[in-house]
Protein backbone atom coordinates (compact mmCIF):
# COMPACT_ATOMS: atom_id res chain seq x y z
CA MET A 1 0.00 0.00 0.00
CA ALA A 2 1.16 3.53 -0.56
CA LEU A 3 1.95 5.51 2.58
CA GLN A 4 -0.43 8.40 3.09
CA GLY A 5 -0.78 11.30 5.46
CA GLY A 6 2.56 10.69 7.11
CA GLN A 7 1.07 7.79 9.12
CA VAL A 8 3.63 5.03 9.47
CA PRO A 9 2.95 1.94 11.56
CA GLY A 10 5.45 1.16 14.27
CA ILE A 11 8.02 -1.52 13.75
CA GLY A 12 6.83 -4.86 15.06
CA GLN A 13 9.05 -7.71 16.10
CA SER A 14 11.68 -9.00 13.71
CA VAL A 15 10.62 -11.80 11.43
CA ARG A 16 13.50 -13.69 12.97
CA ALA A 17 15.51 -12.92 16.07
CA TRP A 18 19.18 -12.08 15.65
CA ALA A 19 20.91 -15.17 14.35
CA MET A 20 24.04 -16.37 12.66
CA PRO A 21 24.73 -14.96 9.19
CA TRP A 22 22.55 -16.43 6.48
CA ASN A 23 25.40 -18.65 5.29
CA GLY A 24 26.70 -19.41 8.77
CA GLU A 25 30.13 -18.00 7.99
CA ASP A 26 30.89 -14.65 6.40
CA GLN A 27 29.48 -11.33 7.50
CA VAL A 28 28.04 -10.54 4.09
CA THR A 29 24.50 -10.52 2.76
CA GLN A 30 23.12 -13.09 0.37
CA ALA A 31 22.89 -10.28 -2.18
CA PHE A 32 26.65 -9.78 -1.81
CA ASP A 33 27.39 -13.46 -2.42
CA GLU A 34 25.21 -13.45 -5.52
CA TRP A 35 26.89 -10.28 -6.81
CA LYS A 36 30.34 -11.75 -6.11
CA ALA A 37 29.60 -14.84 -8.18
CA VAL A 38 28.34 -12.74 -11.10
CA ASP A 39 31.35 -10.41 -10.85
CA ALA A 40 33.71 -13.40 -11.01
CA ASP A 41 31.89 -14.76 -14.05
CA ILE A 42 32.12 -11.44 -15.88
CA ARG A 43 35.85 -11.18 -15.17
CA ALA A 44 36.45 -14.73 -16.37
CA TYR A 45 34.33 -14.15 -19.47
CA LEU A 46 36.25 -10.98 -20.31
CA LEU A 47 39.72 -12.47 -19.83
CA LEU A 48 39.05 -15.86 -21.40
CA SER A 49 37.19 -14.39 -24.37
CA ALA A 50 39.97 -11.87 -25.01
CA ARG A 51 42.58 -14.65 -24.90
CA TRP A 52 40.60 -16.96 -27.18
CA THR A 53 39.72 -14.12 -29.54
CA GLN A 54 43.35 -13.12 -30.05
CA LEU A 55 44.33 -16.75 -30.62
CA ALA A 56 41.48 -17.32 -33.10
CA TYR A 57 42.27 -14.21 -35.11
CA ALA A 58 45.99 -15.04 -35.21
CA THR A 59 45.18 -18.56 -36.37
CA THR A 60 42.79 -17.30 -39.02
CA TRP A 61 45.39 -14.82 -40.27
CA SER A 62 47.99 -17.60 -40.61
CA GLU A 63 45.48 -19.82 -42.40
CA SER A 64 44.70 -17.01 -44.84
CA GLU A 65 48.37 -16.49 -45.60
CA ARG A 66 48.96 -20.22 -46.17
CA GLU A 67 45.90 -20.68 -48.36
CA PHE A 68 46.70 -17.62 -50.43
CA SER A 69 50.35 -18.58 -50.84
CA ALA A 70 49.40 -22.10 -51.97
CA SER A 71 47.44 -20.75 -54.93
CA PHE A 72 49.28 -17.47 -55.52
CA ASP A 73 49.83 -16.51 -59.18
CA PRO A 74 52.13 -13.46 -59.49
CA ASP A 75 50.72 -12.67 -62.93
CA ARG A 76 47.13 -12.68 -61.74
CA ASP A 77 46.89 -12.13 -57.99
CA ASP A 78 47.38 -9.09 -55.79
CA THR A 79 50.24 -9.64 -53.35
CA GLU A 80 47.93 -8.54 -50.52
CA GLY A 81 45.21 -10.99 -51.46
CA HIS A 82 45.54 -12.80 -48.13
CA VAL A 83 44.04 -9.70 -46.50
CA ASP A 84 40.85 -10.01 -48.55
CA LEU A 85 40.73 -13.73 -47.76
CA PHE A 86 41.11 -13.02 -44.04
CA HIS A 87 38.40 -10.34 -44.26
CA ARG A 88 35.99 -12.88 -45.72
CA LYS A 89 36.88 -15.52 -43.13
CA VAL A 90 36.09 -13.19 -40.21
CA LEU A 91 32.89 -11.96 -41.92
CA GLY A 92 34.25 -8.42 -41.96
CA LEU A 93 34.58 -8.19 -38.17
CA TRP A 94 38.21 -7.39 -37.40
CA GLN A 95 39.88 -8.06 -34.09
CA ASP A 96 39.80 -4.50 -32.76
CA ASP A 97 36.04 -4.25 -33.36
CA TYR A 98 35.43 -7.69 -31.86
CA LEU A 99 37.37 -6.85 -28.70
CA TRP A 100 35.61 -3.49 -28.38
CA MET A 101 32.22 -5.22 -28.49
CA LEU A 102 33.42 -7.78 -25.94
CA ARG A 103 34.64 -5.12 -23.50
CA SER A 104 31.54 -2.98 -23.98
CA GLY A 105 29.26 -5.89 -23.18
CA ALA A 106 31.29 -6.88 -20.13
CA LEU A 107 31.20 -3.36 -18.68
CA ARG A 108 27.48 -2.97 -19.27
CA ASP A 109 26.87 -6.31 -17.55
CA ALA A 110 29.07 -5.31 -14.61
CA VAL A 111 27.10 -2.10 -14.06
CA THR A 112 23.84 -4.03 -14.25
CA ALA A 113 25.16 -6.48 -11.63
CA TYR A 114 26.00 -3.54 -9.37
CA GLU A 115 22.54 -2.05 -9.76
CA VAL A 116 20.94 -5.43 -9.07
CA TYR A 117 22.98 -5.68 -5.87
CA THR A 118 21.77 -2.28 -4.65
CA GLU A 119 18.17 -3.44 -5.14
CA GLN A 120 18.53 -6.96 -3.75
CA SER A 121 20.47 -5.90 -0.66
CA LEU A 122 17.66 -3.54 0.34
CA SER A 123 15.06 -6.22 -0.36
CA GLU A 124 16.99 -8.65 1.83
CA LEU A 125 17.16 -6.11 4.65
CA MET A 126 13.52 -5.10 4.57
CA SER A 127 12.25 -8.67 4.21
CA ARG A 128 13.60 -9.40 7.69
CA TYR A 129 11.17 -7.07 9.46
CA VAL A 130 7.43 -6.52 9.72
CA VAL A 131 5.43 -3.45 10.71
CA THR A 132 2.04 -3.55 12.37
CA ASP A 133 -0.73 -1.02 11.78
CA GLY A 134 -3.51 0.02 14.15
CA ASN A 135 -5.71 -2.82 12.98
CA GLY A 136 -3.07 -5.41 13.73
CA GLU A 137 -2.31 -6.05 10.07
CA LYS A 138 1.29 -6.85 9.25
CA TRP A 139 3.26 -5.18 6.48
CA ARG A 140 6.78 -4.99 5.16
CA PHE A 141 8.63 -2.02 3.79
CA ALA A 142 9.64 -2.26 0.14
CA ALA A 143 11.31 0.05 -2.35
CA LYS A 144 8.70 1.76 -4.49
CA VAL A 145 8.31 0.45 -8.03
CA HIS A 146 6.52 2.73 -10.48
CA PRO A 147 3.65 1.34 -12.57
CA GLY A 148 4.81 -0.43 -15.70
CA GLN A 149 8.30 -1.03 -14.33
CA LEU A 150 9.88 -4.17 -12.88
CA SER A 151 12.40 -2.61 -10.50
CA PRO A 152 12.81 0.56 -8.44
CA GLN A 153 14.33 3.51 -10.25
CA TRP A 154 17.93 4.44 -9.49
CA PRO A 155 17.03 7.65 -7.56
CA THR A 156 14.71 5.54 -5.39
CA LEU A 157 17.47 3.08 -4.53
CA ARG A 158 19.94 5.86 -3.91
CA GLN A 159 17.58 7.71 -1.58
CA ILE A 160 16.88 4.62 0.53
CA HIS A 161 20.54 3.67 0.76
CA LYS A 162 21.45 7.20 1.73
CA ALA A 163 18.92 7.05 4.57
CA ILE A 164 20.93 4.24 6.14
CA GLY A 165 24.27 5.92 5.57
CA ILE A 166 25.34 4.49 2.21
CA GLU A 167 26.32 6.42 -0.90
CA ILE A 168 25.87 4.08 -3.85
CA GLU A 169 26.85 6.71 -6.43
CA SER A 170 30.32 7.83 -5.48
CA GLY A 171 32.44 9.65 -8.06
CA PRO A 172 33.96 6.46 -9.57
CA VAL A 173 30.55 4.79 -9.72
CA ARG A 174 29.00 7.85 -11.36
CA TYR A 175 31.73 7.75 -14.02
CA VAL A 176 31.25 4.05 -14.77
CA ARG A 177 27.47 4.42 -14.95
CA SER A 178 27.78 7.40 -17.30
CA LEU A 179 30.07 5.36 -19.55
CA ARG A 180 27.58 2.48 -19.48
CA HIS A 181 24.86 4.93 -20.53
CA LEU A 182 27.01 6.07 -23.46
CA LEU A 183 27.66 2.47 -24.49
CA ALA A 184 24.02 1.43 -24.17
CA HIS A 185 22.29 4.41 -25.75
CA GLN A 186 24.87 5.78 -28.20
CA ARG A 187 26.88 2.58 -28.70
CA GLY A 188 29.95 4.38 -27.44
CA ARG A 189 30.02 7.08 -30.11
CA LEU A 190 31.61 10.34 -28.92
CA ARG A 191 29.40 13.01 -30.45
CA THR A 192 30.70 16.12 -28.70
CA GLU A 193 33.95 17.62 -27.51
CA GLU A 194 32.63 17.42 -23.95
CA GLN A 195 32.17 13.67 -24.32
CA ARG A 196 35.63 13.30 -25.80
CA GLU A 197 37.16 15.16 -22.87
CA ALA A 198 35.13 13.15 -20.35
CA TYR A 199 36.41 9.81 -21.67
CA ALA A 200 39.82 10.77 -23.01
CA GLY A 201 41.38 8.84 -20.13
CA GLU A 202 40.21 5.59 -21.70
CA ALA A 203 42.58 6.10 -24.64
CA ASP A 204 45.77 4.09 -25.08
CA GLN A 205 47.91 5.50 -27.85
CA ALA A 206 50.46 2.73 -27.32
CA ASP A 207 47.92 0.12 -28.46
CA TRP A 208 46.64 0.61 -31.99
CA LEU A 209 43.75 -1.76 -31.27
CA ILE A 210 42.45 0.78 -28.75
CA GLY A 211 43.64 4.13 -30.05
CA GLU A 212 42.64 7.57 -28.82
CA ALA A 213 39.38 9.35 -28.12
CA TYR A 214 38.12 11.70 -30.83
CA VAL A 215 34.79 13.25 -31.75
CA GLY A 216 32.97 10.97 -34.17
CA GLY A 217 34.83 7.89 -32.97
CA ASP A 218 33.97 5.27 -30.38
CA VAL A 219 35.06 5.64 -26.78
CA PRO A 220 38.28 3.63 -26.41
CA LEU A 221 38.02 0.51 -24.26
CA SER A 222 40.77 -1.73 -22.92
CA THR A 223 40.55 -4.89 -20.85
CA GLU A 224 42.72 -3.34 -18.13
CA ARG A 225 40.43 -0.33 -17.77
CA ILE A 226 37.31 -2.48 -17.75
CA LEU A 227 38.78 -4.49 -14.87
CA ALA A 228 39.78 -1.29 -13.05
CA MET A 229 36.25 0.07 -13.34
CA MET A 230 34.88 -3.24 -12.10
CA ASP A 231 37.20 -2.85 -9.12
CA ASP A 232 35.60 0.55 -8.44
CA LEU A 233 32.17 -1.06 -8.45
CA ALA A 234 33.42 -3.86 -6.22
CA ALA A 235 34.74 -1.35 -3.68
CA ALA A 236 31.32 0.33 -3.60
CA VAL A 237 29.56 -3.00 -3.06
CA ARG A 238 31.86 -3.95 -0.18
CA ALA A 239 31.39 -0.59 1.51
CA ALA A 240 27.62 -0.79 1.19
CA ASP A 241 27.38 -4.38 2.32
CA ALA A 242 29.25 -3.72 5.56
CA VAL A 243 26.36 -1.42 6.54
CA VAL A 244 23.51 -3.48 5.11
CA TRP A 245 24.70 -6.67 6.81
CA GLN A 246 24.65 -5.06 10.25
CA HIS A 247 20.99 -4.11 9.79
CA THR A 248 20.05 -7.41 8.14
CA TRP A 249 21.95 -10.13 9.99
CA GLY A 250 23.94 -8.20 12.60
CA ARG A 251 22.84 -6.54 15.83
CA LYS A 252 21.82 -3.07 14.62
CA GLY A 253 18.24 -3.99 13.80
CA PHE A 254 15.86 -2.13 11.54
CA PRO A 255 17.12 1.36 10.61
CA ALA A 256 14.90 3.92 12.35
CA SER A 257 15.81 6.34 9.57
CA LEU A 258 13.66 4.32 7.17
CA GLN A 259 10.59 5.06 9.26
CA ASP A 260 11.38 8.76 8.96
CA LEU A 261 11.91 8.35 5.23
CA ALA A 262 8.52 6.65 4.94
CA LYS A 263 6.83 9.74 6.38
CA LYS A 264 7.97 11.99 3.54
CA SER A 265 5.28 13.16 1.12
CA LYS A 266 7.11 11.58 -1.82
CA SER A 267 8.56 8.61 -0.01
CA PRO A 268 10.62 6.07 -1.99
CA LEU A 269 9.08 3.39 0.24
CA ASP A 270 5.85 1.43 0.02
CA LEU A 271 4.30 -1.14 2.33
CA THR A 272 3.45 -4.63 1.12
CA SER A 273 1.04 -6.89 2.97
CA VAL A 274 2.39 -9.89 4.85
CA ARG A 275 -0.07 -12.65 4.01
CA ALA A 276 -0.42 -15.69 6.18
């Protein structure tokens, strides 16, 4: 139910009394463990795919040279004919473009995994507690989801996290999310000088497969920088989870600040009925 008139039921007893961590070992949330597994998969996918891609392209290049040399006629053939043969073998998708698409996809997936963590960690926290209204009905807090959407909006998640002392959009996170937005909605194309300046640090002039940032070109992407940006996201997850765990599985209990947040006229929180 939507909260109205600033009336917020008092917090009832916890769904479960304080207990051992959900996994019996680490002081991390279940949302953290799920994020960690996804993060590891993305890193492995990025590194293994880059390795296999480079090997496959090198092998295909050698095959093209051998096949062209075996049938080469100096009176009829262009000496660079192996290049055309290679181009046909890779269906026109050269190694630099392939690797760019690989890195772009990995970064977009990493940002999505981070955003999923910020939602799931709050859901895990709030699912541990019930509130009771004046009629004795039991409810749980939940992040508000707008009609027609499947998940809370980013400002909603940020506002709730901030209420319990967590900043989920630090400077490094803001940068990575802005780059993801560019990759997702403009496919990485730098359309303005401002965009070029914003992402010039992704350039690597020492690697011709990556190149430099310029207006009209794609934002440069390297495996090393993708991993570094994933490290920034990982640092943000670890910092957030230290707080969320204390309220979810530790001894701090339900954050009183969320009750105050629920009283706001445009609260990012809703109540959902606890059905028997």
